[in-house]
Amino acid sequence: REHGIPFFPSDANFLLVRSQDVGGIAAYFKS
């Protein structure tokens, strides 16, 4: 919320997060 990143509130142990560059962010995290 503080960084203005859209996500969907969840009742489970995960969050679905929206990104303009899903592939790029996944690759960055993996690195």
Full PDB file with SEQRES, HELIX, SHEET, SSBOND, CRYST1, ORIGX, SCALE, CONECT and MASTER records, all heavy atoms in Angstrom:
SEQRES   1 A   31  ARG GLU HIS GLY ILE PRO PHE PHE PRO SER ASP ALA ASN          
SEQRES   2 A   31  PHE LEU LEU VAL ARG SER GLN ASP VAL GLY GLY ILE ALA          
SEQRES   3 A   31  ALA TYR PHE LYS SER                                          
HELIX    1 AA1 VAL A   22  LYS A   30  1                                   9    
CRYST1    1.000    1.000    1.000  90.00  90.00  90.00 P 1           1          
ORIGX1      1.000000  0.000000  0.000000        0.00000                         
ORIGX2      0.000000  1.000000  0.000000        0.00000                         
ORIGX3      0.000000  0.000000  1.000000        0.00000                         
SCALE1      1.000000  0.000000  0.000000        0.00000                         
SCALE2      0.000000  1.000000  0.000000        0.00000                         
SCALE3      0.000000  0.000000  1.000000        0.00000                         
ATOM      1  N   ARG A   1       0.833  -1.209   0.000  1.00  0.00           N  
ATOM      2  CA  ARG A   1       0.000   0.000   0.000  1.00  0.00           C  
ATOM      3  C   ARG A   1       0.865   1.255   0.000  1.00  0.00           C  
ATOM      4  O   ARG A   1       0.584   2.221  -0.727  1.00  0.00           O  
ATOM      5  CB  ARG A   1      -0.926  -0.004   1.208  1.00  0.00           C  
ATOM      6  CG  ARG A   1      -2.035  -1.054   1.153  1.00  0.00           C  
ATOM      7  CD  ARG A   1      -3.056  -0.833   2.252  1.00  0.00           C  
ATOM      8  NE  ARG A   1      -4.079  -1.874   2.258  1.00  0.00           N  
ATOM      9  CZ  ARG A   1      -4.082  -2.917   3.067  1.00  0.00           C  
ATOM     10  NH1 ARG A   1      -3.100  -3.049   3.982  1.00  0.00           N  
ATOM     11  NH2 ARG A   1      -5.029  -3.826   2.996  1.00  0.00           N  
ATOM     12  N   GLU A   2       1.901   1.266   0.824  1.00  0.00           N  
ATOM     13  CA  GLU A   2       2.774   2.442   0.918  1.00  0.00           C  
ATOM     14  C   GLU A   2       3.451   2.754  -0.407  1.00  0.00           C  
ATOM     15  O   GLU A   2       3.748   3.915  -0.698  1.00  0.00           O  
ATOM     16  CB  GLU A   2       3.834   2.215   2.002  1.00  0.00           C  
ATOM     17  CG  GLU A   2       3.276   2.257   3.426  1.00  0.00           C  
ATOM     18  CD  GLU A   2       4.275   1.774   4.454  1.00  0.00           C  
ATOM     19  OE1 GLU A   2       5.411   1.387   4.058  1.00  0.00           O  
ATOM     20  OE2 GLU A   2       3.933   1.758   5.652  1.00  0.00           O  
ATOM     21  N   HIS A   3       3.706   1.722  -1.208  1.00  0.00           N  
ATOM     22  CA  HIS A   3       4.386   1.924  -2.489  1.00  0.00           C  
ATOM     23  C   HIS A   3       3.414   1.952  -3.671  1.00  0.00           C  
ATOM     24  O   HIS A   3       3.848   1.969  -4.829  1.00  0.00           O  
ATOM     25  CB  HIS A   3       5.440   0.827  -2.695  1.00  0.00           C  
ATOM     26  CG  HIS A   3       6.627   0.970  -1.790  1.00  0.00           C  
ATOM     27  ND1 HIS A   3       6.621   0.500  -0.485  1.00  0.00           N  
ATOM     28  CD2 HIS A   3       7.847   1.538  -1.990  1.00  0.00           C  
ATOM     29  CE1 HIS A   3       7.786   0.762   0.072  1.00  0.00           C  
ATOM     30  NE2 HIS A   3       8.548   1.397  -0.797  1.00  0.00           N  
ATOM     31  N   GLY A   4       2.123   1.976  -3.379  1.00  0.00           N  
ATOM     32  CA  GLY A   4       1.132   2.080  -4.438  1.00  0.00           C  
ATOM     33  C   GLY A   4       1.087   0.874  -5.367  1.00  0.00           C  
ATOM     34  O   GLY A   4       0.755   1.016  -6.550  1.00  0.00           O  
ATOM     35  N   ILE A   5       1.398  -0.289  -4.845  1.00  0.00           N  
ATOM     36  CA  ILE A   5       1.431  -1.505  -5.655  1.00  0.00           C  
ATOM     37  C   ILE A   5       0.089  -2.225  -5.504  1.00  0.00           C  
ATOM     38  O   ILE A   5      -0.292  -2.603  -4.394  1.00  0.00           O  
ATOM     39  CB  ILE A   5       2.582  -2.428  -5.215  1.00  0.00           C  
ATOM     40  CG1 ILE A   5       3.916  -1.711  -5.387  1.00  0.00           C  
ATOM     41  CG2 ILE A   5       2.566  -3.740  -6.008  1.00  0.00           C  
ATOM     42  CD1 ILE A   5       5.079  -2.409  -4.708  1.00  0.00           C  
ATOM     43  N   PRO A   6      -0.618  -2.439  -6.612  1.00  0.00           N  
ATOM     44  CA  PRO A   6      -1.931  -3.093  -6.512  1.00  0.00           C  
ATOM     45  C   PRO A   6      -1.791  -4.567  -6.107  1.00  0.00           C  
ATOM     46  O   PRO A   6      -0.916  -5.279  -6.595  1.00  0.00           O  
ATOM     47  CB  PRO A   6      -2.508  -2.980  -7.932  1.00  0.00           C  
ATOM     48  CG  PRO A   6      -1.656  -1.967  -8.628  1.00  0.00           C  
ATOM     49  CD  PRO A   6      -0.307  -2.040  -7.983  1.00  0.00           C  
ATOM     50  N   PHE A   7      -2.668  -5.011  -5.221  1.00  0.00           N  
ATOM     51  CA  PHE A   7      -2.718  -6.412  -4.839  1.00  0.00           C  
ATOM     52  C   PHE A   7      -4.148  -6.718  -4.415  1.00  0.00           C  
ATOM     53  O   PHE A   7      -4.974  -5.813  -4.232  1.00  0.00           O  
ATOM     54  CB  PHE A   7      -1.734  -6.720  -3.698  1.00  0.00           C  
ATOM     55  CG  PHE A   7      -2.128  -6.149  -2.363  1.00  0.00           C  
ATOM     56  CD1 PHE A   7      -2.825  -6.903  -1.437  1.00  0.00           C  
ATOM     57  CD2 PHE A   7      -1.811  -4.833  -2.036  1.00  0.00           C  
ATOM     58  CE1 PHE A   7      -3.206  -6.372  -0.209  1.00  0.00           C  
ATOM     59  CE2 PHE A   7      -2.188  -4.286  -0.818  1.00  0.00           C  
ATOM     60  CZ  PHE A   7      -2.884  -5.058   0.105  1.00  0.00           C  
ATOM     61  N   PHE A   8      -4.423  -7.992  -4.245  1.00  0.00           N  
ATOM     62  CA  PHE A   8      -5.774  -8.412  -3.885  1.00  0.00           C  
ATOM     63  C   PHE A   8      -5.760  -8.996  -2.484  1.00  0.00           C  
ATOM     64  O   PHE A   8      -5.024  -9.952  -2.221  1.00  0.00           O  
ATOM     65  CB  PHE A   8      -6.289  -9.438  -4.898  1.00  0.00           C  
ATOM     66  CG  PHE A   8      -6.374  -8.885  -6.290  1.00  0.00           C  
ATOM     67  CD1 PHE A   8      -5.337  -9.092  -7.194  1.00  0.00           C  
ATOM     68  CD2 PHE A   8      -7.454  -8.115  -6.679  1.00  0.00           C  
ATOM     69  CE1 PHE A   8      -5.389  -8.560  -8.468  1.00  0.00           C  
ATOM     70  CE2 PHE A   8      -7.521  -7.577  -7.951  1.00  0.00           C  
ATOM     71  CZ  PHE A   8      -6.476  -7.797  -8.852  1.00  0.00           C  
ATOM     72  N   PRO A   9      -6.528  -8.426  -1.557  1.00  0.00           N  
ATOM     73  CA  PRO A   9      -6.594  -8.976  -0.204  1.00  0.00           C  
ATOM     74  C   PRO A   9      -6.946 -10.461  -0.244  1.00  0.00           C  
ATOM     75  O   PRO A   9      -7.771 -10.902  -1.038  1.00  0.00           O  
ATOM     76  CB  PRO A   9      -7.694  -8.145   0.457  1.00  0.00           C  
ATOM     77  CG  PRO A   9      -7.665  -6.845  -0.290  1.00  0.00           C  
ATOM     78  CD  PRO A   9      -7.357  -7.218  -1.708  1.00  0.00           C  
ATOM     79  N   SER A  10      -6.318 -11.221   0.622  1.00  0.00           N  
ATOM     80  CA  SER A  10      -6.393 -12.675   0.552  1.00  0.00           C  
ATOM     81  C   SER A  10      -6.728 -13.282   1.904  1.00  0.00           C  
ATOM     82  O   SER A  10      -6.319 -12.764   2.947  1.00  0.00           O  
ATOM     83  CB  SER A  10      -5.035 -13.217   0.070  1.00  0.00           C  
ATOM     84  OG  SER A  10      -4.883 -14.585   0.325  1.00  0.00           O  
ATOM     85  N   ASP A  11      -7.442 -14.408   1.874  1.00  0.00           N  
ATOM     86  CA  ASP A  11      -7.732 -15.169   3.084  1.00  0.00           C  
ATOM     87  C   ASP A  11      -6.754 -16.329   3.254  1.00  0.00           C  
ATOM     88  O   ASP A  11      -6.905 -17.136   4.174  1.00  0.00           O  
ATOM     89  CB  ASP A  11      -9.155 -15.731   3.032  1.00  0.00           C  
ATOM     90  CG  ASP A  11     -10.209 -14.647   3.061  1.00  0.00           C  
ATOM     91  OD1 ASP A  11     -10.012 -13.649   3.793  1.00  0.00           O  
ATOM     92  OD2 ASP A  11     -11.228 -14.775   2.350  1.00  0.00           O  
ATOM     93  N   ALA A  12      -5.761 -16.432   2.376  1.00  0.00           N  
ATOM     94  CA  ALA A  12      -4.832 -17.556   2.386  1.00  0.00           C  
ATOM     95  C   ALA A  12      -3.429 -17.075   2.718  1.00  0.00           C  
ATOM     96  O   ALA A  12      -3.205 -15.902   3.042  1.00  0.00           O  
ATOM     97  CB  ALA A  12      -4.859 -18.273   1.041  1.00  0.00           C  
ATOM     98  N   ASN A  13      -2.458 -17.972   2.594  1.00  0.00           N  
ATOM     99  CA  ASN A  13      -1.068 -17.664   2.932  1.00  0.00           C  
ATOM    100  C   ASN A  13      -0.297 -17.178   1.718  1.00  0.00           C  
ATOM    101  O   ASN A  13       0.885 -17.500   1.538  1.00  0.00           O  
ATOM    102  CB  ASN A  13      -0.368 -18.896   3.520  1.00  0.00           C  
ATOM    103  CG  ASN A  13      -0.279 -20.045   2.526  1.00  0.00           C  
ATOM    104  OD1 ASN A  13      -1.187 -20.252   1.718  1.00  0.00           O  
ATOM    105  ND2 ASN A  13       0.800 -20.807   2.589  1.00  0.00           N  
ATOM    106  N   PHE A  14      -0.951 -16.407   0.867  1.00  0.00           N  
ATOM    107  CA  PHE A  14      -0.286 -15.836  -0.306  1.00  0.00           C  
ATOM    108  C   PHE A  14      -1.043 -14.587  -0.732  1.00  0.00           C  
ATOM    109  O   PHE A  14      -2.184 -14.356  -0.317  1.00  0.00           O  
ATOM    110  CB  PHE A  14      -0.205 -16.845  -1.452  1.00  0.00           C  
ATOM    111  CG  PHE A  14      -1.548 -17.374  -1.914  1.00  0.00           C  
ATOM    112  CD1 PHE A  14      -2.356 -16.649  -2.782  1.00  0.00           C  
ATOM    113  CD2 PHE A  14      -2.006 -18.605  -1.475  1.00  0.00           C  
ATOM    114  CE1 PHE A  14      -3.584 -17.128  -3.194  1.00  0.00           C  
ATOM    115  CE2 PHE A  14      -3.241 -19.096  -1.871  1.00  0.00           C  
ATOM    116  CZ  PHE A  14      -4.032 -18.359  -2.735  1.00  0.00           C  
ATOM    117  N   LEU A  15      -0.392 -13.801  -1.564  1.00  0.00           N  
ATOM    118  CA  LEU A  15      -1.013 -12.609  -2.134  1.00  0.00           C  
ATOM    119  C   LEU A  15      -0.814 -12.616  -3.644  1.00  0.00           C  
ATOM    120  O   LEU A  15       0.242 -13.025  -4.146  1.00  0.00           O  
ATOM    121  CB  LEU A  15      -0.388 -11.336  -1.554  1.00  0.00           C  
ATOM    122  CG  LEU A  15      -0.711 -11.005  -0.098  1.00  0.00           C  
ATOM    123  CD1 LEU A  15       0.162  -9.848   0.384  1.00  0.00           C  
ATOM    124  CD2 LEU A  15      -2.196 -10.652   0.059  1.00  0.00           C  
ATOM    125  N   LEU A  16      -1.821 -12.163  -4.360  1.00  0.00           N  
ATOM    126  CA  LEU A  16      -1.744 -11.953  -5.800  1.00  0.00           C  
ATOM    127  C   LEU A  16      -1.428 -10.484  -6.017  1.00  0.00           C  
ATOM    128  O   LEU A  16      -2.211  -9.608  -5.633  1.00  0.00           O  
ATOM    129  CB  LEU A  16      -3.066 -12.340  -6.459  1.00  0.00           C  
ATOM    130  CG  LEU A  16      -3.102 -12.395  -7.985  1.00  0.00           C  
ATOM    131  CD1 LEU A  16      -2.177 -13.485  -8.512  1.00  0.00           C  
ATOM    132  CD2 LEU A  16      -4.529 -12.625  -8.467  1.00  0.00           C  
ATOM    133  N   VAL A  17      -0.275 -10.214  -6.619  1.00  0.00           N  
ATOM    134  CA  VAL A  17       0.242  -8.849  -6.739  1.00  0.00           C  
ATOM    135  C   VAL A  17       0.343  -8.475  -8.213  1.00  0.00           C  
ATOM    136  O   VAL A  17       0.845  -9.259  -9.028  1.00  0.00           O  
ATOM    137  CB  VAL A  17       1.634  -8.722  -6.090  1.00  0.00           C  
ATOM    138  CG1 VAL A  17       2.135  -7.285  -6.155  1.00  0.00           C  
ATOM    139  CG2 VAL A  17       1.590  -9.201  -4.639  1.00  0.00           C  
ATOM    140  N   ARG A  18      -0.136  -7.289  -8.550  1.00  0.00           N  
ATOM    141  CA  ARG A  18      -0.098  -6.841  -9.942  1.00  0.00           C  
ATOM    142  C   ARG A  18       1.215  -6.118 -10.227  1.00  0.00           C  
ATOM    143  O   ARG A  18       1.732  -5.379  -9.377  1.00  0.00           O  
ATOM    144  CB  ARG A  18      -1.287  -5.929 -10.221  1.00  0.00           C  
ATOM    145  CG  ARG A  18      -1.430  -5.469 -11.660  1.00  0.00           C  
ATOM    146  CD  ARG A  18      -2.829  -4.958 -11.928  1.00  0.00           C  
ATOM    147  NE  ARG A  18      -3.766  -6.063 -12.152  1.00  0.00           N  
ATOM    148  CZ  ARG A  18      -5.077  -5.988 -11.942  1.00  0.00           C  
ATOM    149  NH1 ARG A  18      -5.615  -4.873 -11.470  1.00  0.00           N  
ATOM    150  NH2 ARG A  18      -5.852  -7.011 -12.202  1.00  0.00           N  
ATOM    151  N   SER A  19       1.760  -6.330 -11.421  1.00  0.00           N  
ATOM    152  CA  SER A  19       3.017  -5.696 -11.809  1.00  0.00           C  
ATOM    153  C   SER A  19       3.001  -5.399 -13.302  1.00  0.00           C  
ATOM    154  O   SER A  19       2.426  -6.168 -14.091  1.00  0.00           O  
ATOM    155  CB  SER A  19       4.203  -6.617 -11.483  1.00  0.00           C  
ATOM    156  OG  SER A  19       5.408  -6.106 -12.021  1.00  0.00           O  
ATOM    157  N   GLN A  20       3.642  -4.314 -13.690  1.00  0.00           N  
ATOM    158  CA  GLN A  20       3.752  -3.980 -15.105  1.00  0.00           C  
ATOM    159  C   GLN A  20       4.814  -4.820 -15.798  1.00  0.00           C  
ATOM    160  O   GLN A  20       4.882  -4.857 -17.031  1.00  0.00           O  
ATOM    161  CB  GLN A  20       4.067  -2.487 -15.272  1.00  0.00           C  
ATOM    162  CG  GLN A  20       2.956  -1.568 -14.793  1.00  0.00           C  
ATOM    163  CD  GLN A  20       3.294  -0.100 -14.985  1.00  0.00           C  
ATOM    164  OE1 GLN A  20       4.434   0.274 -15.239  1.00  0.00           O  
ATOM    165  NE2 GLN A  20       2.277   0.751 -14.881  1.00  0.00           N  
ATOM    166  N   ASP A  21       5.646  -5.490 -15.038  1.00  0.00           N  
ATOM    167  CA  ASP A  21       6.709  -6.319 -15.607  1.00  0.00           C  
ATOM    168  C   ASP A  21       6.860  -7.579 -14.773  1.00  0.00           C  
ATOM    169  O   ASP A  21       7.801  -7.739 -14.001  1.00  0.00           O  
ATOM    170  CB  ASP A  21       8.030  -5.531 -15.646  1.00  0.00           C  
ATOM    171  CG  ASP A  21       9.159  -6.315 -16.302  1.00  0.00           C  
ATOM    172  OD1 ASP A  21       8.881  -7.329 -16.974  1.00  0.00           O  
ATOM    173  OD2 ASP A  21      10.332  -5.907 -16.125  1.00  0.00           O  
ATOM    174  N   VAL A  22       5.887  -8.495 -14.934  1.00  0.00           N  
ATOM    175  CA  VAL A  22       5.873  -9.705 -14.115  1.00  0.00           C  
ATOM    176  C   VAL A  22       7.134 -10.535 -14.341  1.00  0.00           C  
ATOM    177  O   VAL A  22       7.767 -11.007 -13.386  1.00  0.00           O  
ATOM    178  CB  VAL A  22       4.610 -10.542 -14.421  1.00  0.00           C  
ATOM    179  CG1 VAL A  22       4.688 -11.893 -13.721  1.00  0.00           C  
ATOM    180  CG2 VAL A  22       3.363  -9.790 -13.972  1.00  0.00           C  
ATOM    181  N   GLY A  23       7.513 -10.706 -15.609  1.00  0.00           N  
ATOM    182  CA  GLY A  23       8.704 -11.482 -15.902  1.00  0.00           C  
ATOM    183  C   GLY A  23       9.956 -10.863 -15.319  1.00  0.00           C  
ATOM    184  O   GLY A  23      10.825 -11.560 -14.770  1.00  0.00           O  
ATOM    185  N   GLY A  24      10.045  -9.533 -15.412  1.00  0.00           N  
ATOM    186  CA  GLY A  24      11.224  -8.841 -14.901  1.00  0.00           C  
ATOM    187  C   GLY A  24      11.351  -8.930 -13.397  1.00  0.00           C  
ATOM    188  O   GLY A  24      12.440  -9.171 -12.864  1.00  0.00           O  
ATOM    189  N   ILE A  25      10.224  -8.767 -12.698  1.00  0.00           N  
ATOM    190  CA  ILE A  25      10.300  -8.815 -11.238  1.00  0.00           C  
ATOM    191  C   ILE A  25      10.582 -10.232 -10.756  1.00  0.00           C  
ATOM    192  O   ILE A  25      11.347 -10.432  -9.810  1.00  0.00           O  
ATOM    193  CB  ILE A  25       9.017  -8.239 -10.599  1.00  0.00           C  
ATOM    194  CG1 ILE A  25       9.273  -7.953  -9.114  1.00  0.00           C  
ATOM    195  CG2 ILE A  25       7.821  -9.163 -10.759  1.00  0.00           C  
ATOM    196  CD1 ILE A  25       8.169  -7.143  -8.451  1.00  0.00           C  
ATOM    197  N   ALA A  26      10.004 -11.238 -11.437  1.00  0.00           N  
ATOM    198  CA  ALA A  26      10.286 -12.627 -11.050  1.00  0.00           C  
ATOM    199  C   ALA A  26      11.759 -12.950 -11.262  1.00  0.00           C  
ATOM    200  O   ALA A  26      12.388 -13.620 -10.430  1.00  0.00           O  
ATOM    201  CB  ALA A  26       9.401 -13.580 -11.845  1.00  0.00           C  
ATOM    202  N   ALA A  27      12.310 -12.460 -12.367  1.00  0.00           N  
ATOM    203  CA  ALA A  27      13.732 -12.706 -12.646  1.00  0.00           C  
ATOM    204  C   ALA A  27      14.612 -11.998 -11.624  1.00  0.00           C  
ATOM    205  O   ALA A  27      15.652 -12.544 -11.197  1.00  0.00           O  
ATOM    206  CB  ALA A  27      14.069 -12.249 -14.061  1.00  0.00           C  
ATOM    207  N   TYR A  28      14.228 -10.793 -11.235  1.00  0.00           N  
ATOM    208  CA  TYR A  28      15.023 -10.055 -10.251  1.00  0.00           C  
ATOM    209  C   TYR A  28      15.024 -10.771  -8.903  1.00  0.00           C  
ATOM    210  O   TYR A  28      16.070 -10.942  -8.274  1.00  0.00           O  
ATOM    211  CB  TYR A  28      14.475  -8.637 -10.090  1.00  0.00           C  
ATOM    212  CG  TYR A  28      15.367  -7.741  -9.258  1.00  0.00           C  
ATOM    213  CD1 TYR A  28      16.405  -7.034  -9.850  1.00  0.00           C  
ATOM    214  CD2 TYR A  28      15.187  -7.606  -7.879  1.00  0.00           C  
ATOM    215  CE1 TYR A  28      17.239  -6.208  -9.100  1.00  0.00           C  
ATOM    216  CE2 TYR A  28      16.015  -6.792  -7.124  1.00  0.00           C  
ATOM    217  CZ  TYR A  28      17.024  -6.104  -7.738  1.00  0.00           C  
ATOM    218  OH  TYR A  28      17.858  -5.298  -6.977  1.00  0.00           O  
ATOM    219  N   PHE A  29      13.854 -11.190  -8.486  1.00  0.00           N  
ATOM    220  CA  PHE A  29      13.790 -11.934  -7.222  1.00  0.00           C  
ATOM    221  C   PHE A  29      14.625 -13.206  -7.302  1.00  0.00           C  
ATOM    222  O   PHE A  29      15.342 -13.556  -6.360  1.00  0.00           O  
ATOM    223  CB  PHE A  29      12.339 -12.282  -6.880  1.00  0.00           C  
ATOM    224  CG  PHE A  29      11.584 -11.178  -6.199  1.00  0.00           C  
ATOM    225  CD1 PHE A  29      10.399 -10.697  -6.723  1.00  0.00           C  
ATOM    226  CD2 PHE A  29      12.059 -10.621  -5.020  1.00  0.00           C  
ATOM    227  CE1 PHE A  29       9.692  -9.680  -6.092  1.00  0.00           C  
ATOM    228  CE2 PHE A  29      11.368  -9.605  -4.376  1.00  0.00           C  
ATOM    229  CZ  PHE A  29      10.183  -9.135  -4.916  1.00  0.00           C  
ATOM    230  N   LYS A  30      14.560 -13.896  -8.426  1.00  0.00           N  
ATOM    231  CA  LYS A  30      15.320 -15.130  -8.561  1.00  0.00           C  
ATOM    232  C   LYS A  30      16.821 -14.859  -8.482  1.00  0.00           C  
ATOM    233  O   LYS A  30      17.568 -15.648  -7.890  1.00  0.00           O  
ATOM    234  CB  LYS A  30      14.976 -15.834  -9.875  1.00  0.00           C  
ATOM    235  CG  LYS A  30      15.637 -17.201 -10.011  1.00  0.00           C  
ATOM    236  CD  LYS A  30      15.157 -17.934 -11.255  1.00  0.00           C  
ATOM    237  CE  LYS A  30      15.790 -19.324 -11.337  1.00  0.00           C  
ATOM    238  NZ  LYS A  30      15.320 -20.065 -12.539  1.00  0.00           N  
ATOM    239  N   SER A  31      17.248 -13.744  -9.059  1.00  0.00           N  
ATOM    240  CA  SER A  31      18.673 -13.407  -8.989  1.00  0.00           C  
ATOM    241  C   SER A  31      19.119 -13.131  -7.566  1.00  0.00           C  
ATOM    242  O   SER A  31      20.311 -13.191  -7.257  1.00  0.00           O  
ATOM    243  CB  SER A  31      18.961 -12.182  -9.869  1.00  0.00           C  
ATOM    244  OG  SER A  31      18.448 -10.985  -9.286  1.00  0.00           O  
TER     245      SER A  31                                                      
MASTER        0    0    0    1    0    0    0    6  244    1    0    3          
END                                                                             
